[in-house]
Amino acid sequence: MPGITLAQAQQQLQLWLEADAAVSKKQSYSIAGRSMTLADARTITDKIDYWQRKVTALEASATGRGRVRYGVSE
C-alpha cells in the first residue's frame, strides 16, 4: 500500500482548516460523513496539527531537507 502523498496531505490539511473556520463561526461542518460543531474544536485543532506536521515532513523529504536525528549525548 503506497504512503500518503504530499498532495493528499495538503488536501487533508485544507479540509481541516475549512472545518476550523466554519466551527469558529459557531457553525457546524461535515467531513468524512461526520458532523462537527464548536464542541469539536479540540479535535479539529489536533487534526490540523497532525496534517501540518505531515505536510512539513513530506515537503522536507521531497526537497532532500529531511532531518536526521542522531542519539548523541552532550
PDB file of N, CA and C in Angstrom:
ATOM      1  N   MET A   1       0.845  -1.177   0.000  1.00  0.00           N
ATOM      2  CA  MET A   1       0.000   0.000   0.000  1.00  0.00           C
ATOM      3  C   MET A   1       0.889   1.238   0.000  1.00  0.00           C
ATOM      4  N   PRO A   2       0.696   2.154  -0.940  1.00  0.00           N
ATOM      5  CA  PRO A   2       1.530   3.350  -1.003  1.00  0.00           C
ATOM      6  C   PRO A   2       1.235   4.300   0.160  1.00  0.00           C
ATOM      7  N   GLY A   3       2.244   5.091   0.505  1.00  0.00           N
ATOM      8  CA  GLY A   3       2.077   6.059   1.584  1.00  0.00           C
ATOM      9  C   GLY A   3       1.282   7.271   1.144  1.00  0.00           C
ATOM     10  N   ILE A   4       1.088   8.170   2.058  1.00  0.00           N
ATOM     11  CA  ILE A   4       0.360   9.408   1.789  1.00  0.00           C
ATOM     12  C   ILE A   4       1.259  10.332   0.984  1.00  0.00           C
ATOM     13  N   THR A   5       0.710  10.893  -0.072  1.00  0.00           N
ATOM     14  CA  THR A   5       1.477  11.823  -0.895  1.00  0.00           C
ATOM     15  C   THR A   5       1.374  13.231  -0.318  1.00  0.00           C
ATOM     16  N   LEU A   6       2.276  14.090  -0.744  1.00  0.00           N
ATOM     17  CA  LEU A   6       2.240  15.478  -0.322  1.00  0.00           C
ATOM     18  C   LEU A   6       0.914  16.123  -0.721  1.00  0.00           C
ATOM     19  N   ALA A   7       0.449  15.863  -1.925  1.00  0.00           N
ATOM     20  CA  ALA A   7      -0.823  16.443  -2.391  1.00  0.00           C
ATOM     21  C   ALA A   7      -1.991  15.991  -1.513  1.00  0.00           C
ATOM     22  N   GLN A   8      -1.991  14.721  -1.145  1.00  0.00           N
ATOM     23  CA  GLN A   8      -3.063  14.216  -0.286  1.00  0.00           C
ATOM     24  C   GLN A   8      -3.013  14.870   1.095  1.00  0.00           C
ATOM     25  N   ALA A   9      -1.820  15.007   1.633  1.00  0.00           N
ATOM     26  CA  ALA A   9      -1.658  15.631   2.946  1.00  0.00           C
ATOM     27  C   ALA A   9      -2.093  17.095   2.897  1.00  0.00           C
ATOM     28  N   GLN A  10      -1.727  17.797   1.834  1.00  0.00           N
ATOM     29  CA  GLN A  10      -2.129  19.200   1.692  1.00  0.00           C
ATOM     30  C   GLN A  10      -3.644  19.314   1.577  1.00  0.00           C
ATOM     31  N   GLN A  11      -4.268  18.381   0.857  1.00  0.00           N
ATOM     32  CA  GLN A  11      -5.717  18.394   0.706  1.00  0.00           C
ATOM     33  C   GLN A  11      -6.404  18.153   2.059  1.00  0.00           C
ATOM     34  N   GLN A  12      -5.905  17.218   2.832  1.00  0.00           N
ATOM     35  CA  GLN A  12      -6.471  16.954   4.155  1.00  0.00           C
ATOM     36  C   GLN A  12      -6.297  18.158   5.074  1.00  0.00           C
ATOM     37  N   LEU A  13      -5.124  18.765   5.036  1.00  0.00           N
ATOM     38  CA  LEU A  13      -4.884  19.964   5.846  1.00  0.00           C
ATOM     39  C   LEU A  13      -5.873  21.053   5.475  1.00  0.00           C
ATOM     40  N   GLN A  14      -6.098  21.265   4.193  1.00  0.00           N
ATOM     41  CA  GLN A  14      -7.038  22.293   3.744  1.00  0.00           C
ATOM     42  C   GLN A  14      -8.460  22.004   4.240  1.00  0.00           C
ATOM     43  N   LEU A  15      -8.877  20.746   4.182  1.00  0.00           N
ATOM     44  CA  LEU A  15     -10.212  20.380   4.674  1.00  0.00           C
ATOM     45  C   LEU A  15     -10.366  20.706   6.157  1.00  0.00           C
ATOM     46  N   TRP A  16      -9.346  20.387   6.937  1.00  0.00           N
ATOM     47  CA  TRP A  16      -9.431  20.658   8.370  1.00  0.00           C
ATOM     48  C   TRP A  16      -9.351  22.153   8.681  1.00  0.00           C
ATOM     49  N   LEU A  17      -8.621  22.905   7.874  1.00  0.00           N
ATOM     50  CA  LEU A  17      -8.603  24.367   8.050  1.00  0.00           C
ATOM     51  C   LEU A  17      -9.983  24.955   7.752  1.00  0.00           C
ATOM     52  N   GLU A  18     -10.648  24.437   6.738  1.00  0.00           N
ATOM     53  CA  GLU A  18     -12.002  24.889   6.413  1.00  0.00           C
ATOM     54  C   GLU A  18     -12.976  24.530   7.535  1.00  0.00           C
ATOM     55  N   ALA A  19     -12.824  23.348   8.101  1.00  0.00           N
ATOM     56  CA  ALA A  19     -13.666  22.939   9.225  1.00  0.00           C
ATOM     57  C   ALA A  19     -13.468  23.883  10.403  1.00  0.00           C
ATOM     58  N   ASP A  20     -12.218  24.230  10.680  1.00  0.00           N
ATOM     59  CA  ASP A  20     -11.914  25.144  11.776  1.00  0.00           C
ATOM     60  C   ASP A  20     -12.558  26.503  11.553  1.00  0.00           C
ATOM     61  N   ALA A  21     -12.475  27.010  10.330  1.00  0.00           N
ATOM     62  CA  ALA A  21     -13.073  28.313  10.030  1.00  0.00           C
ATOM     63  C   ALA A  21     -14.579  28.280  10.227  1.00  0.00           C
ATOM     64  N   ALA A  22     -15.229  27.226   9.777  1.00  0.00           N
ATOM     65  CA  ALA A  22     -16.683  27.116   9.916  1.00  0.00           C
ATOM     66  C   ALA A  22     -17.089  26.989  11.382  1.00  0.00           C
ATOM     67  N   VAL A  23     -16.387  26.156  12.124  1.00  0.00           N
ATOM     68  CA  VAL A  23     -16.731  25.939  13.525  1.00  0.00           C
ATOM     69  C   VAL A  23     -16.441  27.184  14.360  1.00  0.00           C
ATOM     70  N   SER A  24     -15.405  27.941  13.999  1.00  0.00           N
ATOM     71  CA  SER A  24     -15.083  29.155  14.752  1.00  0.00           C
ATOM     72  C   SER A  24     -16.188  30.201  14.636  1.00  0.00           C
ATOM     73  N   LYS A  25     -17.017  30.068  13.619  1.00  0.00           N
ATOM     74  CA  LYS A  25     -18.165  30.963  13.448  1.00  0.00           C
ATOM     75  C   LYS A  25     -19.416  30.364  14.076  1.00  0.00           C
ATOM     76  N   LYS A  26     -19.216  29.355  14.920  1.00  0.00           N
ATOM     77  CA  LYS A  26     -20.291  28.650  15.616  1.00  0.00           C
ATOM     78  C   LYS A  26     -21.246  27.973  14.647  1.00  0.00           C
ATOM     79  N   GLN A  27     -20.682  27.495  13.560  1.00  0.00           N
ATOM     80  CA  GLN A  27     -21.443  26.727  12.599  1.00  0.00           C
ATOM     81  C   GLN A  27     -21.034  25.279  12.733  1.00  0.00           C
ATOM     82  N   SER A  28     -21.796  24.421  12.112  1.00  0.00           N
ATOM     83  CA  SER A  28     -21.389  23.024  12.063  1.00  0.00           C
ATOM     84  C   SER A  28     -20.689  22.776  10.742  1.00  0.00           C
ATOM     85  N   TYR A  29     -19.984  21.661  10.676  1.00  0.00           N
ATOM     86  CA  TYR A  29     -19.231  21.323   9.476  1.00  0.00           C
ATOM     87  C   TYR A  29     -19.230  19.818   9.334  1.00  0.00           C
ATOM     88  N   SER A  30     -19.316  19.341   8.120  1.00  0.00           N
ATOM     89  CA  SER A  30     -19.278  17.904   7.874  1.00  0.00           C
ATOM     90  C   SER A  30     -18.024  17.548   7.100  1.00  0.00           C
ATOM     91  N   ILE A  31     -17.352  16.493   7.559  1.00  0.00           N
ATOM     92  CA  ILE A  31     -16.166  15.985   6.886  1.00  0.00           C
ATOM     93  C   ILE A  31     -16.147  14.470   7.093  1.00  0.00           C
ATOM     94  N   ALA A  32     -15.958  13.759   6.028  1.00  0.00           N
ATOM     95  CA  ALA A  32     -15.904  12.289   6.066  1.00  0.00           C
ATOM     96  C   ALA A  32     -17.138  11.698   6.737  1.00  0.00           C
ATOM     97  N   GLY A  33     -18.303  12.254   6.436  1.00  0.00           N
ATOM     98  CA  GLY A  33     -19.549  11.731   6.967  1.00  0.00           C
ATOM     99  C   GLY A  33     -19.798  12.036   8.432  1.00  0.00           C
ATOM    100  N   ARG A  34     -18.989  12.903   9.021  1.00  0.00           N
ATOM    101  CA  ARG A  34     -19.120  13.253  10.437  1.00  0.00           C
ATOM    102  C   ARG A  34     -19.417  14.739  10.551  1.00  0.00           C
ATOM    103  N   SER A  35     -20.445  15.083  11.301  1.00  0.00           N
ATOM    104  CA  SER A  35     -20.804  16.483  11.510  1.00  0.00           C
ATOM    105  C   SER A  35     -20.160  16.966  12.805  1.00  0.00           C
ATOM    106  N   MET A  36     -19.522  18.134  12.752  1.00  0.00           N
ATOM    107  CA  MET A  36     -18.843  18.682  13.920  1.00  0.00           C
ATOM    108  C   MET A  36     -19.399  20.056  14.246  1.00  0.00           C
ATOM    109  N   THR A  37     -19.331  20.400  15.512  1.00  0.00           N
ATOM    110  CA  THR A  37     -19.758  21.706  15.974  1.00  0.00           C
ATOM    111  C   THR A  37     -18.642  22.313  16.808  1.00  0.00           C
ATOM    112  N   LEU A  38     -18.919  23.436  17.430  1.00  0.00           N
ATOM    113  CA  LEU A  38     -17.915  24.126  18.238  1.00  0.00           C
ATOM    114  C   LEU A  38     -17.309  23.199  19.296  1.00  0.00           C
ATOM    115  N   ALA A  39     -18.075  22.262  19.781  1.00  0.00           N
ATOM    116  CA  ALA A  39     -17.576  21.344  20.797  1.00  0.00           C
ATOM    117  C   ALA A  39     -16.423  20.476  20.281  1.00  0.00           C
ATOM    118  N   ASP A  40     -16.299  20.350  18.976  1.00  0.00           N
ATOM    119  CA  ASP A  40     -15.252  19.533  18.386  1.00  0.00           C
ATOM    120  C   ASP A  40     -13.999  20.340  18.043  1.00  0.00           C
ATOM    121  N   ALA A  41     -13.885  21.531  18.551  1.00  0.00           N
ATOM    122  CA  ALA A  41     -12.767  22.403  18.207  1.00  0.00           C
ATOM    123  C   ALA A  41     -11.422  21.763  18.545  1.00  0.00           C
ATOM    124  N   ARG A  42     -11.321  21.049  19.648  1.00  0.00           N
ATOM    125  CA  ARG A  42     -10.059  20.412  20.039  1.00  0.00           C
ATOM    126  C   ARG A  42      -9.658  19.335  19.033  1.00  0.00           C
ATOM    127  N   THR A  43     -10.638  18.555  18.597  1.00  0.00           N
ATOM    128  CA  THR A  43     -10.366  17.514  17.597  1.00  0.00           C
ATOM    129  C   THR A  43      -9.872  18.149  16.310  1.00  0.00           C
ATOM    130  N   ILE A  44     -10.500  19.223  15.908  1.00  0.00           N
ATOM    131  CA  ILE A  44     -10.115  19.909  14.675  1.00  0.00           C
ATOM    132  C   ILE A  44      -8.689  20.440  14.799  1.00  0.00           C
ATOM    133  N   THR A  45      -8.381  21.054  15.935  1.00  0.00           N
ATOM    134  CA  THR A  45      -7.034  21.576  16.159  1.00  0.00           C
ATOM    135  C   THR A  45      -5.998  20.449  16.121  1.00  0.00           C
ATOM    136  N   ASP A  46      -6.322  19.322  16.733  1.00  0.00           N
ATOM    137  CA  ASP A  46      -5.407  18.177  16.711  1.00  0.00           C
ATOM    138  C   ASP A  46      -5.170  17.692  15.282  1.00  0.00           C
ATOM    139  N   LYS A  47      -6.229  17.638  14.483  1.00  0.00           N
ATOM    140  CA  LYS A  47      -6.104  17.192  13.095  1.00  0.00           C
ATOM    141  C   LYS A  47      -5.291  18.187  12.268  1.00  0.00           C
ATOM    142  N   ILE A  48      -5.485  19.482  12.491  1.00  0.00           N
ATOM    143  CA  ILE A  48      -4.694  20.496  11.784  1.00  0.00           C
ATOM    144  C   ILE A  48      -3.218  20.323  12.126  1.00  0.00           C
ATOM    145  N   ASP A  49      -2.933  20.145  13.417  1.00  0.00           N
ATOM    146  CA  ASP A  49      -1.541  19.936  13.843  1.00  0.00           C
ATOM    147  C   ASP A  49      -0.948  18.703  13.176  1.00  0.00           C
ATOM    148  N   TYR A  50      -1.710  17.604  13.161  1.00  0.00           N
ATOM    149  CA  TYR A  50      -1.234  16.365  12.559  1.00  0.00           C
ATOM    150  C   TYR A  50      -0.925  16.558  11.077  1.00  0.00           C
ATOM    151  N   TRP A  51      -1.865  17.127  10.331  1.00  0.00           N
ATOM    152  CA  TRP A  51      -1.682  17.269   8.887  1.00  0.00           C
ATOM    153  C   TRP A  51      -0.619  18.303   8.554  1.00  0.00           C
ATOM    154  N   GLN A  52      -0.461  19.331   9.396  1.00  0.00           N
ATOM    155  CA  GLN A  52       0.610  20.302   9.165  1.00  0.00           C
ATOM    156  C   GLN A  52       1.969  19.641   9.329  1.00  0.00           C
ATOM    157  N   ARG A  53       2.118  18.803  10.359  1.00  0.00           N
ATOM    158  CA  ARG A  53       3.380  18.073  10.544  1.00  0.00           C
ATOM    159  C   ARG A  53       3.639  17.136   9.369  1.00  0.00           C
ATOM    160  N   LYS A  54       2.591  16.468   8.883  1.00  0.00           N
ATOM    161  CA  LYS A  54       2.730  15.541   7.758  1.00  0.00           C
ATOM    162  C   LYS A  54       3.158  16.296   6.504  1.00  0.00           C
ATOM    163  N   VAL A  55       2.509  17.436   6.225  1.00  0.00           N
ATOM    164  CA  VAL A  55       2.868  18.241   5.054  1.00  0.00           C
ATOM    165  C   VAL A  55       4.314  18.708   5.165  1.00  0.00           C
ATOM    166  N   THR A  56       4.701  19.208   6.324  1.00  0.00           N
ATOM    167  CA  THR A  56       6.064  19.692   6.534  1.00  0.00           C
ATOM    168  C   THR A  56       7.084  18.580   6.316  1.00  0.00           C
ATOM    169  N   ALA A  57       6.801  17.394   6.844  1.00  0.00           N
ATOM    170  CA  ALA A  57       7.720  16.268   6.687  1.00  0.00           C
ATOM    171  C   ALA A  57       7.823  15.837   5.229  1.00  0.00           C
ATOM    172  N   LEU A  58       6.690  15.779   4.535  1.00  0.00           N
ATOM    173  CA  LEU A  58       6.710  15.363   3.130  1.00  0.00           C
ATOM    174  C   LEU A  58       7.405  16.399   2.251  1.00  0.00           C
ATOM    175  N   GLU A  59       7.205  17.681   2.556  1.00  0.00           N
ATOM    176  CA  GLU A  59       7.904  18.734   1.806  1.00  0.00           C
ATOM    177  C   GLU A  59       9.408  18.629   2.022  1.00  0.00           C
ATOM    178  N   ALA A  60       9.818  18.413   3.266  1.00  0.00           N
ATOM    179  CA  ALA A  60      11.251  18.291   3.569  1.00  0.00           C
ATOM    180  C   ALA A  60      11.837  17.077   2.867  1.00  0.00           C
ATOM    181  N   SER A  61      11.100  15.997   2.860  1.00  0.00           N
ATOM    182  CA  SER A  61      11.562  14.780   2.198  1.00  0.00           C
ATOM    183  C   SER A  61      11.695  14.985   0.693  1.00  0.00           C
ATOM    184  N   ALA A  62      10.740  15.691   0.117  1.00  0.00           N
ATOM    185  CA  ALA A  62      10.747  15.923  -1.332  1.00  0.00           C
ATOM    186  C   ALA A  62      11.911  16.809  -1.767  1.00  0.00           C
ATOM    187  N   THR A  63      12.358  17.693  -0.882  1.00  0.00           N
ATOM    188  CA  THR A  63      13.451  18.596  -1.225  1.00  0.00           C
ATOM    189  C   THR A  63      14.796  18.113  -0.691  1.00  0.00           C
ATOM    190  N   GLY A  64      14.789  16.940  -0.042  1.00  0.00           N
ATOM    191  CA  GLY A  64      16.032  16.404   0.498  1.00  0.00           C
ATOM    192  C   GLY A  64      16.494  17.098   1.752  1.00  0.00           C
ATOM    193  N   ARG A  65      15.588  17.834   2.401  1.00  0.00           N
ATOM    194  CA  ARG A  65      15.962  18.568   3.603  1.00  0.00           C
ATOM    195  C   ARG A  65      15.407  17.925   4.868  1.00  0.00           C
ATOM    196  N   GLY A  66      15.120  16.645   4.811  1.00  0.00           N
ATOM    197  CA  GLY A  66      14.608  15.949   5.989  1.00  0.00           C
ATOM    198  C   GLY A  66      15.637  15.934   7.100  1.00  0.00           C
ATOM    199  N   ARG A  67      15.159  15.936   8.331  1.00  0.00           N
ATOM    200  CA  ARG A  67      16.068  15.925   9.476  1.00  0.00           C
ATOM    201  C   ARG A  67      16.523  14.514   9.760  1.00  0.00           C
ATOM    202  N   VAL A  68      17.773  14.395  10.115  1.00  0.00           N
ATOM    203  CA  VAL A  68      18.314  13.129  10.574  1.00  0.00           C
ATOM    204  C   VAL A  68      18.676  13.333  12.031  1.00  0.00           C
ATOM    205  N   ARG A  69      18.107  12.489  12.896  1.00  0.00           N
ATOM    206  CA  ARG A  69      18.371  12.610  14.323  1.00  0.00           C
ATOM    207  C   ARG A  69      19.376  11.540  14.736  1.00  0.00           C
ATOM    208  N   TYR A  70      20.374  11.973  15.458  1.00  0.00           N
ATOM    209  CA  TYR A  70      21.386  11.055  15.968  1.00  0.00           C
ATOM    210  C   TYR A  70      21.301  11.039  17.481  1.00  0.00           C
ATOM    211  N   GLY A  71      21.538   9.898  18.069  1.00  0.00           N
ATOM    212  CA  GLY A  71      21.495   9.769  19.519  1.00  0.00           C
ATOM    213  C   GLY A  71      22.780  10.199  20.178  1.00  0.00           C
ATOM    214  N   VAL A  72      23.166  11.437  19.977  1.00  0.00           N
ATOM    215  CA  VAL A  72      24.415  11.954  20.535  1.00  0.00           C
ATOM    216  C   VAL A  72      24.098  12.613  21.857  1.00  0.00           C
ATOM    217  N   SER A  73      24.769  12.178  22.894  1.00  0.00           N
ATOM    218  CA  SER A  73      24.561  12.800  24.208  1.00  0.00           C
ATOM    219  C   SER A  73      25.582  13.910  24.408  1.00  0.00           C
ATOM    220  N   GLU A  74      25.164  14.866  25.180  1.00  0.00           N
ATOM    221  CA  GLU A  74      26.039  16.023  25.419  1.00  0.00           C
ATOM    222  C   GLU A  74      26.755  15.863  26.729  1.00  0.00           C
TER     223      GLU A  74
END
